């Protein structure tokens, strides 16, 4: 079954055409791509476990690009 899914371009974990990534995302690339695709936009971010890293990245890329990243932290 798994070989059939792989050969048909379907991810073996999700069984969809969206590829599963097992490593930590490259947040710099994700945010840089967002800034490139959305110049002069205002983008908000809400996520808890990566707070420190993403807060720093929002600030840094807001200074380096014309896109403004706004960091929002919420505790549940």
PDB file of N, CA and C in Angstrom:
ATOM      1  N   UNK A   1       0.819  -1.201   0.000  1.00  0.00           N
ATOM      2  CA  UNK A   1       0.000   0.000   0.000  1.00  0.00           C
ATOM      3  C   UNK A   1       0.860   1.261   0.000  1.00  0.00           C
ATOM      4  N   UNK A   2       1.901   1.326   0.886  1.00  0.00           N
ATOM      5  CA  UNK A   2       2.723   2.532   0.981  1.00  0.00           C
ATOM      6  C   UNK A   2       3.446   2.821  -0.327  1.00  0.00           C
ATOM      7  N   UNK A   3       3.949   1.769  -0.973  1.00  0.00           N
ATOM      8  CA  UNK A   3       4.643   1.975  -2.249  1.00  0.00           C
ATOM      9  C   UNK A   3       3.689   2.558  -3.281  1.00  0.00           C
ATOM     10  N   UNK A   4       2.467   2.093  -3.299  1.00  0.00           N
ATOM     11  CA  UNK A   4       1.476   2.610  -4.237  1.00  0.00           C
ATOM     12  C   UNK A   4       1.210   4.096  -3.970  1.00  0.00           C
ATOM     13  N   UNK A   5       1.076   4.469  -2.707  1.00  0.00           N
ATOM     14  CA  UNK A   5       0.829   5.871  -2.367  1.00  0.00           C
ATOM     15  C   UNK A   5       2.007   6.745  -2.790  1.00  0.00           C
ATOM     16  N   UNK A   6       3.215   6.271  -2.519  1.00  0.00           N
ATOM     17  CA  UNK A   6       4.405   7.044  -2.860  1.00  0.00           C
ATOM     18  C   UNK A   6       4.508   7.230  -4.370  1.00  0.00           C
ATOM     19  N   UNK A   7       4.276   6.187  -5.121  1.00  0.00           N
ATOM     20  CA  UNK A   7       4.387   6.250  -6.573  1.00  0.00           C
ATOM     21  C   UNK A   7       3.347   7.181  -7.186  1.00  0.00           C
ATOM     22  N   UNK A   8       2.208   7.324  -6.557  1.00  0.00           N
ATOM     23  CA  UNK A   8       1.147   8.178  -7.087  1.00  0.00           C
ATOM     24  C   UNK A   8       1.278   9.632  -6.651  1.00  0.00           C
ATOM     25  N   UNK A   9       2.378  10.008  -5.984  1.00  0.00           N
ATOM     26  CA  UNK A   9       2.580  11.378  -5.547  1.00  0.00           C
ATOM     27  C   UNK A   9       1.767  11.752  -4.326  1.00  0.00           C
ATOM     28  N   UNK A  10       1.380  10.749  -3.532  1.00  0.00           N
ATOM     29  CA  UNK A  10       0.592  10.982  -2.327  1.00  0.00           C
ATOM     30  C   UNK A  10       1.491  10.733  -1.119  1.00  0.00           C
ATOM     31  N   UNK A  11       1.454  11.657  -0.152  1.00  0.00           N
ATOM     32  CA  UNK A  11       2.259  11.528   1.055  1.00  0.00           C
ATOM     33  C   UNK A  11       1.849  10.288   1.843  1.00  0.00           C
ATOM     34  N   UNK A  12       2.834   9.526   2.342  1.00  0.00           N
ATOM     35  CA  UNK A  12       2.537   8.275   3.037  1.00  0.00           C
ATOM     36  C   UNK A  12       1.970   8.499   4.432  1.00  0.00           C
ATOM     37  N   UNK A  13       2.191   9.672   5.017  1.00  0.00           N
ATOM     38  CA  UNK A  13       1.674   9.944   6.359  1.00  0.00           C
ATOM     39  C   UNK A  13       0.265  10.529   6.296  1.00  0.00           C
ATOM     40  N   UNK A  14       0.108  11.597   5.534  1.00  0.00           N
ATOM     41  CA  UNK A  14      -1.189  12.283   5.480  1.00  0.00           C
ATOM     42  C   UNK A  14      -2.124  11.711   4.410  1.00  0.00           C
ATOM     43  N   UNK A  15      -1.559  10.899   3.521  1.00  0.00           N
ATOM     44  CA  UNK A  15      -2.307  10.351   2.389  1.00  0.00           C
ATOM     45  C   UNK A  15      -2.941  11.457   1.539  1.00  0.00           C
ATOM     46  N   UNK A  16      -2.244  12.583   1.451  1.00  0.00           N
ATOM     47  CA  UNK A  16      -2.681  13.693   0.601  1.00  0.00           C
ATOM     48  C   UNK A  16      -1.509  14.084  -0.300  1.00  0.00           C
ATOM     49  N   UNK A  17      -1.723  15.053  -1.154  1.00  0.00           N
ATOM     50  CA  UNK A  17      -0.647  15.515  -2.031  1.00  0.00           C
ATOM     51  C   UNK A  17       0.245  16.548  -1.338  1.00  0.00           C
ATOM     52  N   UNK A  18      -0.068  16.886  -0.101  1.00  0.00           N
ATOM     53  CA  UNK A  18       0.738  17.823   0.679  1.00  0.00           C
ATOM     54  C   UNK A  18       1.818  17.028   1.397  1.00  0.00           C
ATOM     55  N   UNK A  19       3.077  17.374   1.143  1.00  0.00           N
ATOM     56  CA  UNK A  19       4.201  16.629   1.706  1.00  0.00           C
ATOM     57  C   UNK A  19       4.366  16.916   3.197  1.00  0.00           C
ATOM     58  N   UNK A  20       4.565  15.867   3.973  1.00  0.00           N
ATOM     59  CA  UNK A  20       4.822  16.001   5.403  1.00  0.00           C
ATOM     60  C   UNK A  20       6.301  16.297   5.623  1.00  0.00           C
ATOM     61  N   UNK A  21       6.605  17.327   6.427  1.00  0.00           N
ATOM     62  CA  UNK A  21       7.985  17.668   6.776  1.00  0.00           C
ATOM     63  C   UNK A  21       8.207  17.293   8.231  1.00  0.00           C
ATOM     64  N   UNK A  22       9.281  16.558   8.497  1.00  0.00           N
ATOM     65  CA  UNK A  22       9.530  16.050   9.840  1.00  0.00           C
ATOM     66  C   UNK A  22      10.517  16.877  10.640  1.00  0.00           C
ATOM     67  N   UNK A  23      11.033  17.945  10.108  1.00  0.00           N
ATOM     68  CA  UNK A  23      12.009  18.769  10.817  1.00  0.00           C
ATOM     69  C   UNK A  23      11.375  20.089  11.235  1.00  0.00           C
ATOM     70  N   UNK A  24      12.092  20.843  12.031  1.00  0.00           N
ATOM     71  CA  UNK A  24      11.638  22.173  12.427  1.00  0.00           C
ATOM     72  C   UNK A  24      11.596  23.066  11.191  1.00  0.00           C
ATOM     73  N   UNK A  25      10.560  23.866  11.036  1.00  0.00           N
ATOM     74  CA  UNK A  25      10.481  24.743   9.854  1.00  0.00           C
ATOM     75  C   UNK A  25      11.618  25.757   9.849  1.00  0.00           C
ATOM     76  N   UNK A  26      12.031  26.163   8.670  1.00  0.00           N
ATOM     77  CA  UNK A  26      12.998  27.238   8.526  1.00  0.00           C
ATOM     78  C   UNK A  26      12.199  28.542   8.596  1.00  0.00           C
ATOM     79  N   UNK A  27      12.024  29.058   9.822  1.00  0.00           N
ATOM     80  CA  UNK A  27      11.148  30.212  10.032  1.00  0.00           C
ATOM     81  C   UNK A  27      11.632  31.431   9.278  1.00  0.00           C
ATOM     82  N   UNK A  28      12.950  31.611   9.162  1.00  0.00           N
ATOM     83  CA  UNK A  28      13.476  32.758   8.426  1.00  0.00           C
ATOM     84  C   UNK A  28      12.990  32.704   6.979  1.00  0.00           C
ATOM     85  N   UNK A  29      13.043  31.530   6.352  1.00  0.00           N
ATOM     86  CA  UNK A  29      12.575  31.379   4.972  1.00  0.00           C
ATOM     87  C   UNK A  29      11.067  31.606   4.874  1.00  0.00           C
ATOM     88  N   UNK A  30      10.317  31.055   5.828  1.00  0.00           N
ATOM     89  CA  UNK A  30       8.858  31.224   5.821  1.00  0.00           C
ATOM     90  C   UNK A  30       8.503  32.709   5.890  1.00  0.00           C
ATOM     91  N   UNK A  31       9.121  33.431   6.833  1.00  0.00           N
ATOM     92  CA  UNK A  31       8.800  34.857   7.002  1.00  0.00           C
ATOM     93  C   UNK A  31       9.329  35.691   5.839  1.00  0.00           C
ATOM     94  N   UNK A  32      10.526  35.357   5.334  1.00  0.00           N
ATOM     95  CA  UNK A  32      11.071  36.083   4.194  1.00  0.00           C
ATOM     96  C   UNK A  32      10.180  35.899   2.970  1.00  0.00           C
ATOM     97  N   UNK A  33       9.712  34.677   2.748  1.00  0.00           N
ATOM     98  CA  UNK A  33       8.785  34.427   1.635  1.00  0.00           C
ATOM     99  C   UNK A  33       7.494  35.224   1.802  1.00  0.00           C
ATOM    100  N   UNK A  34       6.975  35.287   3.036  1.00  0.00           N
ATOM    101  CA  UNK A  34       5.773  36.087   3.293  1.00  0.00           C
ATOM    102  C   UNK A  34       6.010  37.559   2.971  1.00  0.00           C
ATOM    103  N   UNK A  35       7.172  38.074   3.385  1.00  0.00           N
ATOM    104  CA  UNK A  35       7.494  39.480   3.130  1.00  0.00           C
ATOM    105  C   UNK A  35       7.628  39.743   1.635  1.00  0.00           C
ATOM    106  N   UNK A  36       8.244  38.822   0.910  1.00  0.00           N
ATOM    107  CA  UNK A  36       8.419  38.975  -0.531  1.00  0.00           C
ATOM    108  C   UNK A  36       7.077  38.939  -1.258  1.00  0.00           C
ATOM    109  N   UNK A  37       6.207  38.034  -0.834  1.00  0.00           N
ATOM    110  CA  UNK A  37       4.918  37.866  -1.497  1.00  0.00           C
ATOM    111  C   UNK A  37       3.886  38.914  -1.073  1.00  0.00           C
ATOM    112  N   UNK A  38       4.144  39.615   0.044  1.00  0.00           N
ATOM    113  CA  UNK A  38       3.176  40.588   0.578  1.00  0.00           C
ATOM    114  C   UNK A  38       3.865  41.896   0.954  1.00  0.00           C
ATOM    115  N   UNK A  39       4.467  42.596  -0.001  1.00  0.00           N
ATOM    116  CA  UNK A  39       5.168  43.835   0.336  1.00  0.00           C
ATOM    117  C   UNK A  39       4.229  44.866   0.963  1.00  0.00           C
ATOM    118  N   UNK A  40       4.744  45.549   1.953  1.00  0.00           N
ATOM    119  CA  UNK A  40       4.023  46.610   2.671  1.00  0.00           C
ATOM    120  C   UNK A  40       2.772  46.119   3.395  1.00  0.00           C
ATOM    121  N   UNK A  41       2.651  44.812   3.578  1.00  0.00           N
ATOM    122  CA  UNK A  41       1.497  44.250   4.294  1.00  0.00           C
ATOM    123  C   UNK A  41       1.746  44.278   5.790  1.00  0.00           C
ATOM    124  N   UNK A  42       0.691  44.075   6.553  1.00  0.00           N
ATOM    125  CA  UNK A  42       0.792  43.911   8.007  1.00  0.00           C
ATOM    126  C   UNK A  42       0.371  42.486   8.311  1.00  0.00           C
ATOM    127  N   UNK A  43       1.274  41.714   8.908  1.00  0.00           N
ATOM    128  CA  UNK A  43       1.030  40.296   9.147  1.00  0.00           C
ATOM    129  C   UNK A  43       1.130  40.030  10.647  1.00  0.00           C
ATOM    130  N   UNK A  44       0.117  39.361  11.192  1.00  0.00           N
ATOM    131  CA  UNK A  44       0.116  39.016  12.608  1.00  0.00           C
ATOM    132  C   UNK A  44       0.493  37.562  12.802  1.00  0.00           C
ATOM    133  N   UNK A  45       1.049  37.239  13.940  1.00  0.00           N
ATOM    134  CA  UNK A  45       1.488  35.899  14.254  1.00  0.00           C
ATOM    135  C   UNK A  45       1.014  35.531  15.642  1.00  0.00           C
ATOM    136  N   UNK A  46       0.460  34.338  15.820  1.00  0.00           N
ATOM    137  CA  UNK A  46       0.005  33.882  17.126  1.00  0.00           C
ATOM    138  C   UNK A  46       0.372  32.407  17.282  1.00  0.00           C
ATOM    139  N   UNK A  47       1.333  32.140  18.148  1.00  0.00           N
ATOM    140  CA  UNK A  47       1.753  30.769  18.428  1.00  0.00           C
ATOM    141  C   UNK A  47       2.584  30.792  19.712  1.00  0.00           C
ATOM    142  N   UNK A  48       2.397  29.839  20.593  1.00  0.00           N
ATOM    143  CA  UNK A  48       3.043  29.884  21.900  1.00  0.00           C
ATOM    144  C   UNK A  48       4.421  29.236  21.998  1.00  0.00           C
ATOM    145  N   UNK A  49       4.623  27.990  21.592  1.00  0.00           N
ATOM    146  CA  UNK A  49       5.895  27.315  21.883  1.00  0.00           C
ATOM    147  C   UNK A  49       7.134  27.976  21.278  1.00  0.00           C
ATOM    148  N   UNK A  50       6.981  28.714  20.224  1.00  0.00           N
ATOM    149  CA  UNK A  50       8.133  29.311  19.551  1.00  0.00           C
ATOM    150  C   UNK A  50       8.231  30.806  19.801  1.00  0.00           C
ATOM    151  N   UNK A  51       7.682  31.252  20.902  1.00  0.00           N
ATOM    152  CA  UNK A  51       7.520  32.675  21.190  1.00  0.00           C
ATOM    153  C   UNK A  51       8.794  33.485  21.011  1.00  0.00           C
ATOM    154  N   UNK A  52       9.850  33.124  21.697  1.00  0.00           N
ATOM    155  CA  UNK A  52      11.069  33.930  21.688  1.00  0.00           C
ATOM    156  C   UNK A  52      11.670  34.026  20.286  1.00  0.00           C
ATOM    157  N   UNK A  53      11.809  32.899  19.617  1.00  0.00           N
ATOM    158  CA  UNK A  53      12.409  32.870  18.283  1.00  0.00           C
ATOM    159  C   UNK A  53      11.597  33.684  17.290  1.00  0.00           C
ATOM    160  N   UNK A  54      10.273  33.472  17.281  1.00  0.00           N
ATOM    161  CA  UNK A  54       9.451  34.166  16.302  1.00  0.00           C
ATOM    162  C   UNK A  54       9.280  35.644  16.622  1.00  0.00           C
ATOM    163  N   UNK A  55       9.298  36.008  17.894  1.00  0.00           N
ATOM    164  CA  UNK A  55       9.226  37.423  18.267  1.00  0.00           C
ATOM    165  C   UNK A  55      10.448  38.162  17.726  1.00  0.00           C
ATOM    166  N   UNK A  56      11.621  37.565  17.901  1.00  0.00           N
ATOM    167  CA  UNK A  56      12.850  38.172  17.397  1.00  0.00           C
ATOM    168  C   UNK A  56      12.831  38.273  15.874  1.00  0.00           C
ATOM    169  N   UNK A  57      12.343  37.221  15.222  1.00  0.00           N
ATOM    170  CA  UNK A  57      12.298  37.217  13.773  1.00  0.00           C
ATOM    171  C   UNK A  57      11.302  38.248  13.234  1.00  0.00           C
ATOM    172  N   UNK A  58      10.148  38.385  13.892  1.00  0.00           N
ATOM    173  CA  UNK A  58       9.174  39.413  13.487  1.00  0.00           C
ATOM    174  C   UNK A  58       9.808  40.793  13.539  1.00  0.00           C
ATOM    175  N   UNK A  59      10.507  41.063  14.623  1.00  0.00           N
ATOM    176  CA  UNK A  59      11.146  42.360  14.793  1.00  0.00           C
ATOM    177  C   UNK A  59      12.227  42.576  13.730  1.00  0.00           C
ATOM    178  N   UNK A  60      13.083  41.584  13.559  1.00  0.00           N
ATOM    179  CA  UNK A  60      14.197  41.708  12.622  1.00  0.00           C
ATOM    180  C   UNK A  60      13.713  41.907  11.186  1.00  0.00           C
ATOM    181  N   UNK A  61      12.753  41.106  10.742  1.00  0.00           N
ATOM    182  CA  UNK A  61      12.291  41.224   9.364  1.00  0.00           C
ATOM    183  C   UNK A  61      11.440  42.473   9.147  1.00  0.00           C
ATOM    184  N   UNK A  62      10.837  43.001  10.194  1.00  0.00           N
ATOM    185  CA  UNK A  62      10.122  44.278  10.068  1.00  0.00           C
ATOM    186  C   UNK A  62      11.107  45.409   9.801  1.00  0.00           C
ATOM    187  N   UNK A  63      12.315  45.269  10.320  1.00  0.00           N
ATOM    188  CA  UNK A  63      13.350  46.276  10.075  1.00  0.00           C
ATOM    189  C   UNK A  63      14.019  46.095   8.716  1.00  0.00           C
ATOM    190  N   UNK A  64      14.131  44.836   8.273  1.00  0.00           N
ATOM    191  CA  UNK A  64      14.857  44.534   7.036  1.00  0.00           C
ATOM    192  C   UNK A  64      14.004  44.639   5.772  1.00  0.00           C
ATOM    193  N   UNK A  65      12.670  44.605   5.901  1.00  0.00           N
ATOM    194  CA  UNK A  65      11.787  44.632   4.735  1.00  0.00           C
ATOM    195  C   UNK A  65      10.733  45.722   4.919  1.00  0.00           C
ATOM    196  N   UNK A  66       9.944  45.955   3.887  1.00  0.00           N
ATOM    197  CA  UNK A  66       8.860  46.937   4.004  1.00  0.00           C
ATOM    198  C   UNK A  66       7.613  46.318   4.625  1.00  0.00           C
ATOM    199  N   UNK A  67       7.600  45.000   4.786  1.00  0.00           N
ATOM    200  CA  UNK A  67       6.476  44.315   5.419  1.00  0.00           C
ATOM    201  C   UNK A  67       6.602  44.463   6.930  1.00  0.00           C
ATOM    202  N   UNK A  68       5.503  44.711   7.617  1.00  0.00           N
ATOM    203  CA  UNK A  68       5.500  44.849   9.077  1.00  0.00           C
ATOM    204  C   UNK A  68       4.896  43.601   9.699  1.00  0.00           C
ATOM    205  N   UNK A  69       5.700  42.887  10.467  1.00  0.00           N
ATOM    206  CA  UNK A  69       5.242  41.707  11.187  1.00  0.00           C
ATOM    207  C   UNK A  69       4.878  42.129  12.607  1.00  0.00           C
ATOM    208  N   UNK A  70       3.684  41.816  13.054  1.00  0.00           N
ATOM    209  CA  UNK A  70       3.229  42.152  14.402  1.00  0.00           C
ATOM    210  C   UNK A  70       3.142  40.866  15.210  1.00  0.00           C
ATOM    211  N   UNK A  71       3.876  40.831  16.293  1.00  0.00           N
ATOM    212  CA  UNK A  71       3.924  39.643  17.137  1.00  0.00           C
ATOM    213  C   UNK A  71       2.819  39.728  18.188  1.00  0.00           C
ATOM    214  N   UNK A  72       2.044  38.660  18.323  1.00  0.00           N
ATOM    215  CA  UNK A  72       0.974  38.594  19.321  1.00  0.00           C
ATOM    216  C   UNK A  72       1.151  37.325  20.135  1.00  0.00           C
ATOM    217  N   UNK A  73       1.198  37.473  21.430  1.00  0.00           N
ATOM    218  CA  UNK A  73       1.331  36.310  22.301  1.00  0.00           C
ATOM    219  C   UNK A  73       0.085  36.197  23.153  1.00  0.00           C
ATOM    220  N   UNK A  74      -0.433  34.994  23.262  1.00  0.00           N
ATOM    221  CA  UNK A  74      -1.609  34.763  24.083  1.00  0.00           C
ATOM    222  C   UNK A  74      -1.374  33.544  24.951  1.00  0.00           C
ATOM    223  N   UNK A  75      -1.648  33.665  26.224  1.00  0.00           N
ATOM    224  CA  UNK A  75      -1.486  32.543  27.150  1.00  0.00           C
ATOM    225  C   UNK A  75      -2.847  31.916  27.423  1.00  0.00           C
ATOM    226  N   UNK A  76      -2.908  30.600  27.333  1.00  0.00           N
ATOM    227  CA  UNK A  76      -4.155  29.898  27.568  1.00  0.00           C
ATOM    228  C   UNK A  76      -4.126  29.214  28.917  1.00  0.00           C
TER     229      UNK A  76
END
